[in-house]
C-alpha atoms as a PDB file:
ATOM      1  CA  MET A   1      -7.790   1.938  15.998  1.00  0.00           C
ATOM      2  CA  SER A   2      -6.309  -1.471  16.384  1.00  0.00           C
ATOM      3  CA  LEU A   3      -2.951  -3.144  16.620  1.00  0.00           C
ATOM      4  CA  SER A   4      -4.215  -6.002  14.487  1.00  0.00           C
ATOM      5  CA  PRO A   5      -1.871  -7.556  11.917  1.00  0.00           C
ATOM      6  CA  ILE A   6      -4.824  -8.910   9.904  1.00  0.00           C
ATOM      7  CA  PRO A   7      -5.522  -7.292   6.507  1.00  0.00           C
ATOM      8  CA  ARG A   8      -8.907  -6.785   4.840  1.00  0.00           C
ATOM      9  CA  GLY A   9      -8.273  -9.192   2.022  1.00  0.00           C
ATOM     10  CA  VAL A  10      -5.241 -10.487   0.187  1.00  0.00           C
ATOM     11  CA  TYR A  11      -5.026  -9.699  -3.509  1.00  0.00           C
ATOM     12  CA  PRO A  12      -2.661 -11.067  -6.188  1.00  0.00           C
ATOM     13  CA  SER A  13      -1.453  -7.560  -7.141  1.00  0.00           C
ATOM     14  CA  VAL A  14      -2.470  -3.911  -6.910  1.00  0.00           C
ATOM     15  CA  THR A  15      -4.014  -4.091 -10.363  1.00  0.00           C
ATOM     16  CA  ASP A  16      -6.457  -6.704  -9.010  1.00  0.00           C
ATOM     17  CA  ILE A  17      -7.875  -4.051  -6.674  1.00  0.00           C
ATOM     18  CA  SER A  18     -10.764  -2.445  -8.539  1.00  0.00           C
ATOM     19  CA  PRO A  19     -10.860   1.358  -8.489  1.00  0.00           C
ATOM     20  CA  LYS A  20     -14.615   1.238  -9.116  1.00  0.00           C
ATOM     21  CA  ALA A  21     -15.184  -1.100  -6.147  1.00  0.00           C
ATOM     22  CA  LEU A  22     -13.014   1.146  -3.945  1.00  0.00           C
ATOM     23  CA  ALA A  23     -15.035   4.210  -4.957  1.00  0.00           C
ATOM     24  CA  GLU A  24     -18.266   2.357  -4.205  1.00  0.00           C
ATOM     25  CA  LYS A  25     -16.937   1.797  -0.661  1.00  0.00           C
ATOM     26  CA  GLY A  26     -16.296   5.521  -0.232  1.00  0.00           C
ATOM     27  CA  VAL A  27     -12.516   5.385  -0.685  1.00  0.00           C
ATOM     28  CA  ARG A  28     -10.922   8.670  -1.776  1.00  0.00           C
ATOM     29  CA  LEU A  29      -7.256   7.898  -1.120  1.00  0.00           C
ATOM     30  CA  VAL A  30      -5.032   4.882  -1.770  1.00  0.00           C
ATOM     31  CA  LEU A  31      -1.772   4.905   0.133  1.00  0.00           C
ATOM     32  CA  ALA A  32       0.585   2.494  -1.606  1.00  0.00           C
ATOM     33  CA  ASP A  33       3.895   0.987  -0.652  1.00  0.00           C
ATOM     34  CA  LEU A  34       6.575   1.033  -3.355  1.00  0.00           C
ATOM     35  CA  ASP A  35       8.929  -1.934  -3.170  1.00  0.00           C
ATOM     36  CA  ASN A  36       7.407  -5.330  -3.889  1.00  0.00           C
ATOM     37  CA  THR A  37       3.938  -3.730  -4.004  1.00  0.00           C
ATOM     38  CA  LEU A  38       3.911  -1.415  -7.020  1.00  0.00           C
ATOM     39  CA  VAL A  39       7.185  -2.652  -8.509  1.00  0.00           C
ATOM     40  CA  PRO A  40      10.001  -5.063  -7.625  1.00  0.00           C
ATOM     41  CA  TYR A  41      12.926  -3.741  -5.595  1.00  0.00           C
ATOM     42  CA  LYS A  42      15.271  -1.494  -7.598  1.00  0.00           C
ATOM     43  CA  VAL A  43      12.806  -0.877 -10.451  1.00  0.00           C
ATOM     44  CA  THR A  44      12.758   2.853 -11.175  1.00  0.00           C
ATOM     45  CA  GLU A  45      10.179   3.173 -13.968  1.00  0.00           C
ATOM     46  CA  PRO A  46       6.424   2.700 -13.484  1.00  0.00           C
ATOM     47  CA  PRO A  47       5.249  -0.103 -15.776  1.00  0.00           C
ATOM     48  CA  ALA A  48       2.279   0.420 -18.096  1.00  0.00           C
ATOM     49  CA  GLU A  49      -0.102  -1.595 -15.899  1.00  0.00           C
ATOM     50  CA  ILE A  50       0.653   0.603 -12.856  1.00  0.00           C
ATOM     51  CA  ILE A  51       0.158   3.757 -14.926  1.00  0.00           C
ATOM     52  CA  ALA A  52      -3.179   2.400 -16.177  1.00  0.00           C
ATOM     53  CA  TRP A  53      -4.265   1.468 -12.610  1.00  0.00           C
ATOM     54  CA  LYS A  54      -3.360   4.951 -11.356  1.00  0.00           C
ATOM     55  CA  GLU A  55      -5.378   6.503 -14.181  1.00  0.00           C
ATOM     56  CA  ALA A  56      -8.339   4.240 -13.375  1.00  0.00           C
ATOM     57  CA  LEU A  57      -8.125   5.347  -9.733  1.00  0.00           C
ATOM     58  CA  GLU A  58      -8.182   8.993 -10.828  1.00  0.00           C
ATOM     59  CA  GLY A  59     -11.146   8.273 -13.086  1.00  0.00           C
ATOM     60  CA  ALA A  60     -12.987   6.890 -10.053  1.00  0.00           C
ATOM     61  CA  GLY A  61     -12.175  10.019  -8.037  1.00  0.00           C
ATOM     62  CA  ILE A  62      -9.434   8.373  -5.963  1.00  0.00           C
ATOM     63  CA  ALA A  63      -5.959   9.789  -5.386  1.00  0.00           C
ATOM     64  CA  LEU A  64      -2.897   7.547  -5.298  1.00  0.00           C
ATOM     65  CA  PHE A  65      -0.189   8.467  -2.762  1.00  0.00           C
ATOM     66  CA  LEU A  66       3.186   6.735  -2.413  1.00  0.00           C
ATOM     67  CA  LEU A  67       3.857   5.945   1.262  1.00  0.00           C
ATOM     68  CA  SER A  68       7.294   4.429   1.520  1.00  0.00           C
ATOM     69  CA  ASN A  69       9.808   3.486   4.166  1.00  0.00           C
ATOM     70  CA  SER A  70      12.547   3.679   1.542  1.00  0.00           C
ATOM     71  CA  ARG A  71      15.802   5.011   2.917  1.00  0.00           C
ATOM     72  CA  ARG A  72      17.423   5.447  -0.479  1.00  0.00           C
ATOM     73  CA  PRO A  73      17.694   9.182  -1.073  1.00  0.00           C
ATOM     74  CA  GLY A  74      15.202  10.232  -3.689  1.00  0.00           C
ATOM     75  CA  ARG A  75      14.158   6.781  -4.910  1.00  0.00           C
ATOM     76  CA  ALA A  76      10.523   6.995  -3.803  1.00  0.00           C
ATOM     77  CA  GLN A  77      10.285  10.662  -4.783  1.00  0.00           C
ATOM     78  CA  ARG A  78      11.624  10.055  -8.301  1.00  0.00           C
ATOM     79  CA  PHE A  79       9.234   7.131  -8.811  1.00  0.00           C
ATOM     80  CA  ALA A  80       6.282   9.225  -7.599  1.00  0.00           C
ATOM     81  CA  GLU A  81       7.264  12.099  -9.890  1.00  0.00           C
ATOM     82  CA  LYS A  82       7.193   9.734 -12.866  1.00  0.00           C
ATOM     83  CA  LEU A  83       3.641   8.750 -11.878  1.00  0.00           C
ATOM     84  CA  ASN A  84       2.740  12.363 -11.071  1.00  0.00           C
ATOM     85  CA  ILE A  85       1.542  11.455  -7.564  1.00  0.00           C
ATOM     86  CA  PRO A  86       2.393  12.762  -4.098  1.00  0.00           C
ATOM     87  CA  CYS A  87       4.973  10.900  -2.063  1.00  0.00           C
ATOM     88  CA  GLN A  88       6.213  10.532   1.459  1.00  0.00           C
ATOM     89  CA  GLY A  89       9.482   8.678   2.034  1.00  0.00           C
ATOM     90  CA  HIS A  90      10.925   7.623   5.382  1.00  0.00           C
ATOM     91  CA  SER A  91       7.335   7.174   6.597  1.00  0.00           C
ATOM     92  CA  GLY A  92       8.226   5.113   9.651  1.00  0.00           C
ATOM     93  CA  LYS A  93       5.633   2.393   9.020  1.00  0.00           C
ATOM     94  CA  PRO A  94       4.130   0.851  11.141  1.00  0.00           C
ATOM     95  CA  LYS A  95       3.989   4.033  13.241  1.00  0.00           C
ATOM     96  CA  ARG A  96       0.736   5.984  12.901  1.00  0.00           C
ATOM     97  CA  ALA A  97       2.379   9.341  12.270  1.00  0.00           C
ATOM     98  CA  GLY A  98       3.297   8.689   8.627  1.00  0.00           C
ATOM     99  CA  TYR A  99      -0.229   7.586   7.756  1.00  0.00           C
ATOM    100  CA  LEU A 100      -1.796  10.535   9.571  1.00  0.00           C
ATOM    101  CA  LYS A 101       0.545  13.029   7.903  1.00  0.00           C
ATOM    102  CA  ALA A 102      -0.258  11.637   4.444  1.00  0.00           C
ATOM    103  CA  MET A 103      -4.015  11.810   5.058  1.00  0.00           C
ATOM    104  CA  GLU A 104      -3.722  15.344   6.403  1.00  0.00           C
ATOM    105  CA  ARG A 105      -1.800  16.391   3.291  1.00  0.00           C
ATOM    106  CA  MET A 106      -4.546  14.934   1.106  1.00  0.00           C
ATOM    107  CA  GLY A 107      -7.493  16.202   3.183  1.00  0.00           C
ATOM    108  CA  VAL A 108      -9.092  12.811   3.824  1.00  0.00           C
ATOM    109  CA  ARG A 109     -10.148  10.818   6.874  1.00  0.00           C
ATOM    110  CA  PRO A 110      -9.011   7.293   7.780  1.00  0.00           C
ATOM    111  CA  GLU A 111     -12.370   5.787   6.823  1.00  0.00           C
ATOM    112  CA  GLU A 112     -11.874   7.165   3.289  1.00  0.00           C
ATOM    113  CA  THR A 113      -8.404   5.669   2.987  1.00  0.00           C
ATOM    114  CA  VAL A 114      -6.905   2.280   2.173  1.00  0.00           C
ATOM    115  CA  MET A 115      -3.279   1.201   2.455  1.00  0.00           C
ATOM    116  CA  VAL A 116      -2.024  -1.241  -0.161  1.00  0.00           C
ATOM    117  CA  GLY A 117       1.167  -3.040   0.753  1.00  0.00           C
ATOM    118  CA  ASP A 118       2.954  -6.371   0.707  1.00  0.00           C
ATOM    119  CA  GLN A 119       4.033  -6.652   4.352  1.00  0.00           C
ATOM    120  CA  ILE A 120       1.992  -7.474   7.428  1.00  0.00           C
ATOM    121  CA  PHE A 121       4.304  -5.999  10.061  1.00  0.00           C
ATOM    122  CA  THR A 122       4.720  -2.605   8.393  1.00  0.00           C
ATOM    123  CA  ASP A 123       1.903  -1.876   5.928  1.00  0.00           C
ATOM    124  CA  THR A 124      -1.012  -3.780   7.509  1.00  0.00           C
ATOM    125  CA  LEU A 125      -0.131  -3.236  11.151  1.00  0.00           C
ATOM    126  CA  GLY A 126       0.456   0.467  10.581  1.00  0.00           C
ATOM    127  CA  ALA A 127      -2.745   0.917   8.601  1.00  0.00           C
ATOM    128  CA  ASN A 128      -4.827  -0.773  11.278  1.00  0.00           C
ATOM    129  CA  ASN A 129      -3.099   1.326  13.934  1.00  0.00           C
ATOM    130  CA  ALA A 130      -3.979   4.525  12.017  1.00  0.00           C
ATOM    131  CA  GLY A 131      -7.606   3.478  11.408  1.00  0.00           C
ATOM    132  CA  VAL A 132      -6.940   2.949   7.694  1.00  0.00           C
ATOM    133  CA  ILE A 133      -8.250  -0.098   5.820  1.00  0.00           C
ATOM    134  CA  PRO A 134      -5.300  -2.414   5.071  1.00  0.00           C
ATOM    135  CA  LEU A 135      -5.308  -4.275   1.750  1.00  0.00           C
ATOM    136  CA  LEU A 136      -2.495  -6.778   1.334  1.00  0.00           C
ATOM    137  CA  VAL A 137      -1.008  -7.845  -1.978  1.00  0.00           C
ATOM    138  CA  GLU A 138       1.238 -10.781  -2.674  1.00  0.00           C
ATOM    139  CA  PRO A 139       4.871  -9.683  -2.892  1.00  0.00           C
ATOM    140  CA  ILE A 140       6.052  -9.268  -6.465  1.00  0.00           C
ATOM    141  CA  ARG A 141       9.407 -10.972  -5.981  1.00  0.00           C
ATOM    142  CA  LEU A 142      11.142 -12.584  -3.007  1.00  0.00           C
ATOM    143  CA  ALA A 143      14.463 -13.276  -4.670  1.00  0.00           C
ATOM    144  CA  GLY A 144      17.605 -11.793  -3.264  1.00  0.00           C
ATOM    145  CA  ASN A 145      17.247 -11.435   0.478  1.00  0.00           C
ATOM    146  CA  PRO A 146      16.911 -14.567   2.650  1.00  0.00           C
ATOM    147  CA  GLY A 147      15.396 -12.428   5.420  1.00  0.00           C
ATOM    148  CA  ARG A 148      12.367 -11.750   3.231  1.00  0.00           C
ATOM    149  CA  TYR A 149      11.573 -15.465   3.069  1.00  0.00           C
ATOM    150  CA  ILE A 150      11.616 -15.675   6.855  1.00  0.00           C
ATOM    151  CA  ARG A 151       9.517 -12.535   7.265  1.00  0.00           C
ATOM    152  CA  TYR A 152       6.910 -13.656   4.741  1.00  0.00           C
ATOM    153  CA  ALA A 153       6.785 -17.108   6.342  1.00  0.00           C
ATOM    154  CA  ALA A 154       6.054 -15.483   9.710  1.00  0.00           C
ATOM    155  CA  GLU A 155       3.240 -13.507   8.055  1.00  0.00           C
ATOM    156  CA  THR A 156       1.507 -16.598   6.624  1.00  0.00           C
ATOM    157  CA  PRO A 157      -1.117 -17.062   9.385  1.00  0.00           C
ATOM    158  CA  PHE A 158      -2.167 -13.413   9.120  1.00  0.00           C
ATOM    159  CA  ARG A 159      -2.347 -13.627   5.330  1.00  0.00           C
ATOM    160  CA  LEU A 160      -4.631 -16.651   5.623  1.00  0.00           C
ATOM    161  CA  LEU A 161      -6.892 -14.843   8.086  1.00  0.00           C
ATOM    162  CA  GLY A 162      -6.961 -11.809   5.808  1.00  0.00           C
ATOM    163  CA  LYS A 163      -8.128 -13.904   2.873  1.00  0.00           C
ATOM    164  CA  ARG A 164     -11.236 -14.717   4.909  1.00  0.00           C
ATOM    165  CA  ARG A 165     -12.225 -11.075   5.378  1.00  0.00           C
ATOM    166  CA  PRO A 166     -12.009  -9.271   2.036  1.00  0.00           C
ATOM    167  CA  PHE A 167     -12.864  -5.588   1.790  1.00  0.00           C
ATOM    168  CA  LEU A 168     -13.824  -5.824  -1.873  1.00  0.00           C
END
């Protein structure tokens, strides 16, 4: 386990992460962040491309699990229900406990798990800390919160390093 903020690759979006390639690497579980990873903030319906990606994961023998820090009551759970996937809100990323609890629920080990998220200091750092392979995606939309621009700017060096060490 490592406290590294460096991801194993940076991908344009979750749908650019190949379920077949994940399966070939022995992945059985994809933990995915919700906001700005699967959908933009405040979006409540899974778009067709996310539904198709989830189905492709299932076809490759990989489970999708929503691992969110969302504090909005029920938001992550309702989204997960619409996708028919398990969910864990208030996960406390980057703490290890949320990742470990999710893997225990799904009966998989860290080496069989990837975390897909858009943030270095929650998703990637937490995944590395839990022994999970961190895959970073570009944020869907930055508009709205000036703090996001600052945070993503601070993440730039780690994103660049991550591009040099792709998992897939």
